[in-house]
Amino acid sequence: MSSAYGVIGLALLVVAAMAMVQGAWMAITARRPPWVSSRRLAAGRERGFGMALIAMGLGAVLESASFIEIVAFSGLRFVGIGLFLVGGVLVFVALRPRPSQ
C-alpha cells in the first residue's frame, strides 16, 4: 500500500477516537452535547446513543488500523466493519421513537 493509505488511516483513527471519547462521555454522564438535536434523541436515550458511538468509533478505529501497514492483519478490517455495523444498529435502537404509554 502507498503512504497515502497510512495518512488516511491515521486521520480516520483520530476522528474515531474522538467519537469514542464523546460516546464514553455520553454513556457515563447521561447528558447530550449541544450538537445533538433534542428532537431526534429522546430524553433517557443518551446512554444508548453513547454506547452506539463507542461501538462505531471502535469499529472505525479497527478499520483505520487496517490501513496502517504496521498493525494491519487480515481479520482486522472484517472485525472493524462488523463493529461499525453493530454500532449502526445501536444508533437505530437509540433513535427509534418510543411507544406511547
N, C-alpha and C. Protein backbone atom coordinates (compact mmCIF):
# COMPACT_ATOMS: atom_id res chain seq x y z
N MET A 1 0.83 -1.18 0.00
CA MET A 1 0.00 0.00 0.00
C MET A 1 0.87 1.24 0.00
N SER A 2 0.35 2.30 -0.51
CA SER A 2 1.12 3.54 -0.54
C SER A 2 1.01 4.26 0.79
N SER A 3 1.82 5.28 0.94
CA SER A 3 1.81 6.03 2.20
C SER A 3 0.55 6.87 2.34
N ALA A 4 -0.18 7.11 1.24
CA ALA A 4 -1.43 7.86 1.33
C ALA A 4 -2.46 7.10 2.16
N TYR A 5 -2.47 5.77 2.03
CA TYR A 5 -3.39 4.98 2.85
C TYR A 5 -3.05 5.10 4.32
N GLY A 6 -1.79 5.17 4.64
CA GLY A 6 -1.38 5.35 6.02
C GLY A 6 -1.83 6.67 6.60
N VAL A 7 -1.77 7.73 5.79
CA VAL A 7 -2.22 9.06 6.24
C VAL A 7 -3.73 9.07 6.42
N ILE A 8 -4.45 8.46 5.48
CA ILE A 8 -5.91 8.38 5.60
C ILE A 8 -6.29 7.56 6.82
N GLY A 9 -5.58 6.45 7.03
CA GLY A 9 -5.85 5.62 8.20
C GLY A 9 -5.60 6.36 9.50
N LEU A 10 -4.54 7.15 9.56
CA LEU A 10 -4.24 7.91 10.76
C LEU A 10 -5.29 8.98 11.02
N ALA A 11 -5.73 9.66 9.96
CA ALA A 11 -6.78 10.68 10.12
C ALA A 11 -8.09 10.05 10.60
N LEU A 12 -8.45 8.92 10.02
CA LEU A 12 -9.67 8.23 10.45
C LEU A 12 -9.53 7.72 11.88
N LEU A 13 -8.35 7.31 12.25
CA LEU A 13 -8.10 6.85 13.61
C LEU A 13 -8.33 7.97 14.62
N VAL A 14 -7.90 9.17 14.30
CA VAL A 14 -8.09 10.31 15.20
C VAL A 14 -9.57 10.66 15.33
N VAL A 15 -10.28 10.69 14.22
CA VAL A 15 -11.72 11.01 14.24
C VAL A 15 -12.49 9.94 15.02
N ALA A 16 -12.14 8.69 14.82
CA ALA A 16 -12.82 7.59 15.51
C ALA A 16 -12.54 7.64 17.01
N ALA A 17 -11.32 8.00 17.38
CA ALA A 17 -11.00 8.12 18.81
C ALA A 17 -11.81 9.25 19.44
N MET A 18 -12.00 10.34 18.72
CA MET A 18 -12.83 11.43 19.25
C MET A 18 -14.28 11.00 19.42
N ALA A 19 -14.78 10.19 18.49
CA ALA A 19 -16.15 9.68 18.61
C ALA A 19 -16.27 8.76 19.82
N MET A 20 -15.24 7.95 20.07
CA MET A 20 -15.28 7.07 21.23
C MET A 20 -15.26 7.87 22.53
N VAL A 21 -14.48 8.93 22.59
CA VAL A 21 -14.44 9.77 23.79
C VAL A 21 -15.78 10.44 24.01
N GLN A 22 -16.39 10.97 22.94
CA GLN A 22 -17.70 11.60 23.05
C GLN A 22 -18.76 10.58 23.48
N GLY A 23 -18.70 9.38 22.93
CA GLY A 23 -19.65 8.34 23.32
C GLY A 23 -19.48 7.92 24.76
N ALA A 24 -18.23 7.81 25.21
CA ALA A 24 -17.99 7.46 26.62
C ALA A 24 -18.53 8.55 27.54
N TRP A 25 -18.33 9.81 27.15
CA TRP A 25 -18.85 10.91 27.97
C TRP A 25 -20.37 10.85 28.06
N MET A 26 -21.03 10.57 26.93
CA MET A 26 -22.49 10.48 26.93
C MET A 26 -22.98 9.28 27.72
N ALA A 27 -22.27 8.15 27.61
CA ALA A 27 -22.70 6.95 28.33
C ALA A 27 -22.50 7.10 29.83
N ILE A 28 -21.46 7.78 30.25
CA ILE A 28 -21.18 7.93 31.69
C ILE A 28 -22.07 9.00 32.32
N THR A 29 -22.20 10.16 31.67
CA THR A 29 -22.93 11.26 32.29
C THR A 29 -24.42 11.27 31.99
N ALA A 30 -24.85 10.54 30.96
CA ALA A 30 -26.25 10.50 30.52
C ALA A 30 -26.75 11.89 30.14
N ARG A 31 -25.86 12.71 29.59
CA ARG A 31 -26.25 14.03 29.08
C ARG A 31 -25.94 14.08 27.60
N ARG A 32 -26.63 14.97 26.90
CA ARG A 32 -26.38 15.12 25.47
C ARG A 32 -25.60 16.40 25.24
N PRO A 33 -24.65 16.34 24.32
CA PRO A 33 -23.90 17.56 23.98
C PRO A 33 -24.78 18.51 23.17
N PRO A 34 -24.38 19.76 23.05
CA PRO A 34 -25.23 20.74 22.35
C PRO A 34 -25.45 20.41 20.87
N TRP A 35 -24.56 19.66 20.23
CA TRP A 35 -24.72 19.39 18.82
C TRP A 35 -25.73 18.30 18.52
N VAL A 36 -26.19 17.57 19.54
CA VAL A 36 -27.19 16.51 19.34
C VAL A 36 -28.58 17.14 19.41
N SER A 37 -29.36 16.95 18.38
CA SER A 37 -30.69 17.52 18.31
C SER A 37 -31.61 16.86 19.34
N SER A 38 -32.32 17.67 20.09
CA SER A 38 -33.23 17.12 21.09
C SER A 38 -34.47 16.49 20.44
N ARG A 39 -34.74 16.84 19.19
CA ARG A 39 -35.89 16.24 18.51
C ARG A 39 -35.61 14.80 18.11
N ARG A 40 -34.36 14.50 17.75
CA ARG A 40 -34.02 13.15 17.29
C ARG A 40 -33.71 12.19 18.42
N LEU A 41 -33.13 12.69 19.50
CA LEU A 41 -32.72 11.83 20.61
C LEU A 41 -33.63 12.11 21.79
N ALA A 42 -34.52 11.17 22.06
CA ALA A 42 -35.47 11.35 23.15
C ALA A 42 -34.75 11.35 24.49
N ALA A 43 -35.35 11.99 25.46
CA ALA A 43 -34.77 12.03 26.80
C ALA A 43 -34.66 10.60 27.35
N GLY A 44 -33.55 10.32 27.98
CA GLY A 44 -33.32 9.00 28.53
C GLY A 44 -32.61 8.04 27.58
N ARG A 45 -32.32 8.48 26.38
CA ARG A 45 -31.65 7.63 25.39
C ARG A 45 -30.17 8.00 25.21
N GLU A 46 -29.67 8.89 26.06
CA GLU A 46 -28.29 9.36 25.90
C GLU A 46 -27.28 8.24 26.11
N ARG A 47 -27.52 7.39 27.09
CA ARG A 47 -26.57 6.30 27.35
C ARG A 47 -26.51 5.32 26.18
N GLY A 48 -27.65 4.99 25.61
CA GLY A 48 -27.68 4.09 24.46
C GLY A 48 -26.98 4.69 23.25
N PHE A 49 -27.19 6.00 23.03
CA PHE A 49 -26.53 6.67 21.92
C PHE A 49 -25.02 6.73 22.17
N GLY A 50 -24.62 6.92 23.42
CA GLY A 50 -23.20 6.92 23.75
C GLY A 50 -22.56 5.57 23.52
N MET A 51 -23.26 4.50 23.88
CA MET A 51 -22.74 3.15 23.62
C MET A 51 -22.64 2.88 22.12
N ALA A 52 -23.59 3.40 21.35
CA ALA A 52 -23.53 3.25 19.90
C ALA A 52 -22.33 4.00 19.33
N LEU A 53 -22.06 5.19 19.85
CA LEU A 53 -20.89 5.93 19.39
C LEU A 53 -19.59 5.20 19.74
N ILE A 54 -19.56 4.59 20.91
CA ILE A 54 -18.36 3.83 21.29
C ILE A 54 -18.15 2.65 20.34
N ALA A 55 -19.23 1.92 20.04
CA ALA A 55 -19.12 0.76 19.14
C ALA A 55 -18.71 1.18 17.73
N MET A 56 -19.32 2.25 17.23
CA MET A 56 -18.97 2.72 15.89
C MET A 56 -17.55 3.28 15.87
N GLY A 57 -17.17 3.98 16.93
CA GLY A 57 -15.81 4.50 17.00
C GLY A 57 -14.77 3.39 17.05
N LEU A 58 -15.05 2.35 17.82
CA LEU A 58 -14.12 1.22 17.90
C LEU A 58 -14.02 0.50 16.55
N GLY A 59 -15.16 0.35 15.89
CA GLY A 59 -15.14 -0.25 14.56
C GLY A 59 -14.34 0.58 13.57
N ALA A 60 -14.49 1.90 13.65
CA ALA A 60 -13.72 2.77 12.76
C ALA A 60 -12.24 2.76 13.11
N VAL A 61 -11.91 2.63 14.40
CA VAL A 61 -10.50 2.53 14.81
C VAL A 61 -9.88 1.27 14.21
N LEU A 62 -10.59 0.16 14.31
CA LEU A 62 -10.06 -1.08 13.75
C LEU A 62 -9.96 -1.02 12.23
N GLU A 63 -10.95 -0.41 11.61
CA GLU A 63 -10.93 -0.27 10.15
C GLU A 63 -9.76 0.62 9.71
N SER A 64 -9.56 1.72 10.42
CA SER A 64 -8.46 2.61 10.05
C SER A 64 -7.10 1.99 10.36
N ALA A 65 -7.03 1.17 11.40
CA ALA A 65 -5.77 0.49 11.70
C ALA A 65 -5.41 -0.50 10.61
N SER A 66 -6.40 -1.00 9.89
CA SER A 66 -6.09 -1.92 8.79
C SER A 66 -5.43 -1.20 7.62
N PHE A 67 -5.57 0.13 7.55
CA PHE A 67 -4.90 0.90 6.51
C PHE A 67 -3.43 1.16 6.85
N ILE A 68 -3.09 1.10 8.12
CA ILE A 68 -1.72 1.36 8.55
C ILE A 68 -0.96 0.03 8.50
N GLU A 69 0.09 -0.02 7.74
CA GLU A 69 0.76 -1.29 7.44
C GLU A 69 1.39 -1.95 8.65
N ILE A 70 1.80 -1.18 9.64
CA ILE A 70 2.50 -1.75 10.79
C ILE A 70 1.58 -2.64 11.62
N VAL A 71 0.31 -2.26 11.79
CA VAL A 71 -0.59 -3.01 12.65
C VAL A 71 -1.63 -3.83 11.88
N ALA A 72 -1.57 -3.81 10.57
CA ALA A 72 -2.60 -4.47 9.76
C ALA A 72 -2.43 -5.99 9.77
N PHE A 73 -3.53 -6.70 9.92
CA PHE A 73 -3.58 -8.13 9.68
C PHE A 73 -4.91 -8.46 9.04
N SER A 74 -5.06 -9.64 8.53
CA SER A 74 -6.16 -9.95 7.61
C SER A 74 -7.55 -9.78 8.22
N GLY A 75 -7.77 -10.17 9.45
CA GLY A 75 -9.11 -10.12 10.01
C GLY A 75 -9.48 -8.79 10.63
N LEU A 76 -8.55 -7.86 10.72
CA LEU A 76 -8.80 -6.59 11.40
C LEU A 76 -9.88 -5.78 10.69
N ARG A 77 -9.84 -5.76 9.39
CA ARG A 77 -10.83 -4.99 8.63
C ARG A 77 -12.23 -5.57 8.81
N PHE A 78 -12.36 -6.90 8.83
CA PHE A 78 -13.68 -7.53 8.98
C PHE A 78 -14.26 -7.29 10.37
N VAL A 79 -13.42 -7.35 11.39
CA VAL A 79 -13.87 -7.08 12.75
C VAL A 79 -14.31 -5.62 12.87
N GLY A 80 -13.56 -4.72 12.25
CA GLY A 80 -13.91 -3.30 12.28
C GLY A 80 -15.23 -3.02 11.60
N ILE A 81 -15.45 -3.64 10.45
CA ILE A 81 -16.71 -3.45 9.73
C ILE A 81 -17.87 -4.03 10.54
N GLY A 82 -17.66 -5.18 11.16
CA GLY A 82 -18.70 -5.78 11.99
C GLY A 82 -19.07 -4.90 13.18
N LEU A 83 -18.08 -4.35 13.87
CA LEU A 83 -18.37 -3.45 14.99
C LEU A 83 -19.04 -2.17 14.53
N PHE A 84 -18.64 -1.67 13.37
CA PHE A 84 -19.28 -0.47 12.84
C PHE A 84 -20.76 -0.74 12.54
N LEU A 85 -21.07 -1.91 12.01
CA LEU A 85 -22.47 -2.26 11.74
C LEU A 85 -23.26 -2.46 13.03
N VAL A 86 -22.63 -3.05 14.04
CA VAL A 86 -23.29 -3.19 15.35
C VAL A 86 -23.61 -1.80 15.91
N GLY A 87 -22.67 -0.87 15.78
CA GLY A 87 -22.93 0.50 16.22
C GLY A 87 -24.08 1.14 15.46
N GLY A 88 -24.18 0.86 14.17
CA GLY A 88 -25.29 1.39 13.38
C GLY A 88 -26.63 0.85 13.86
N VAL A 89 -26.67 -0.42 14.22
CA VAL A 89 -27.91 -0.99 14.76
C VAL A 89 -28.24 -0.35 16.11
N LEU A 90 -27.23 -0.11 16.93
CA LEU A 90 -27.46 0.55 18.22
C LEU A 90 -27.95 1.98 18.04
N VAL A 91 -27.47 2.68 17.03
CA VAL A 91 -27.98 4.03 16.74
C VAL A 91 -29.45 3.95 16.36
N PHE A 92 -29.81 2.96 15.54
CA PHE A 92 -31.21 2.79 15.16
C PHE A 92 -32.08 2.53 16.39
N VAL A 93 -31.59 1.70 17.30
CA VAL A 93 -32.34 1.40 18.52
C VAL A 93 -32.46 2.64 19.41
N ALA A 94 -31.38 3.40 19.51
CA ALA A 94 -31.39 4.58 20.37
C ALA A 94 -32.27 5.70 19.82
N LEU A 95 -32.41 5.80 18.50
CA LEU A 95 -33.16 6.91 17.92
C LEU A 95 -34.60 6.56 17.56
N ARG A 96 -34.98 5.29 17.65
CA ARG A 96 -36.35 4.96 17.28
C ARG A 96 -37.32 5.55 18.30
N PRO A 97 -38.49 5.94 17.87
CA PRO A 97 -39.46 6.53 18.79
C PRO A 97 -40.00 5.50 19.78
N ARG A 98 -40.22 5.96 20.97
CA ARG A 98 -40.79 5.08 22.00
C ARG A 98 -42.28 4.91 21.78
N PRO A 99 -42.81 3.75 22.10
CA PRO A 99 -44.28 3.60 22.01
C PRO A 99 -44.94 4.44 23.09
N SER A 100 -46.09 4.98 22.78
CA SER A 100 -46.80 5.79 23.78
C SER A 100 -47.25 4.92 24.92
N GLN A 101 -47.24 5.51 26.10
CA GLN A 101 -47.54 4.72 27.31
C GLN A 101 -48.97 4.87 27.71
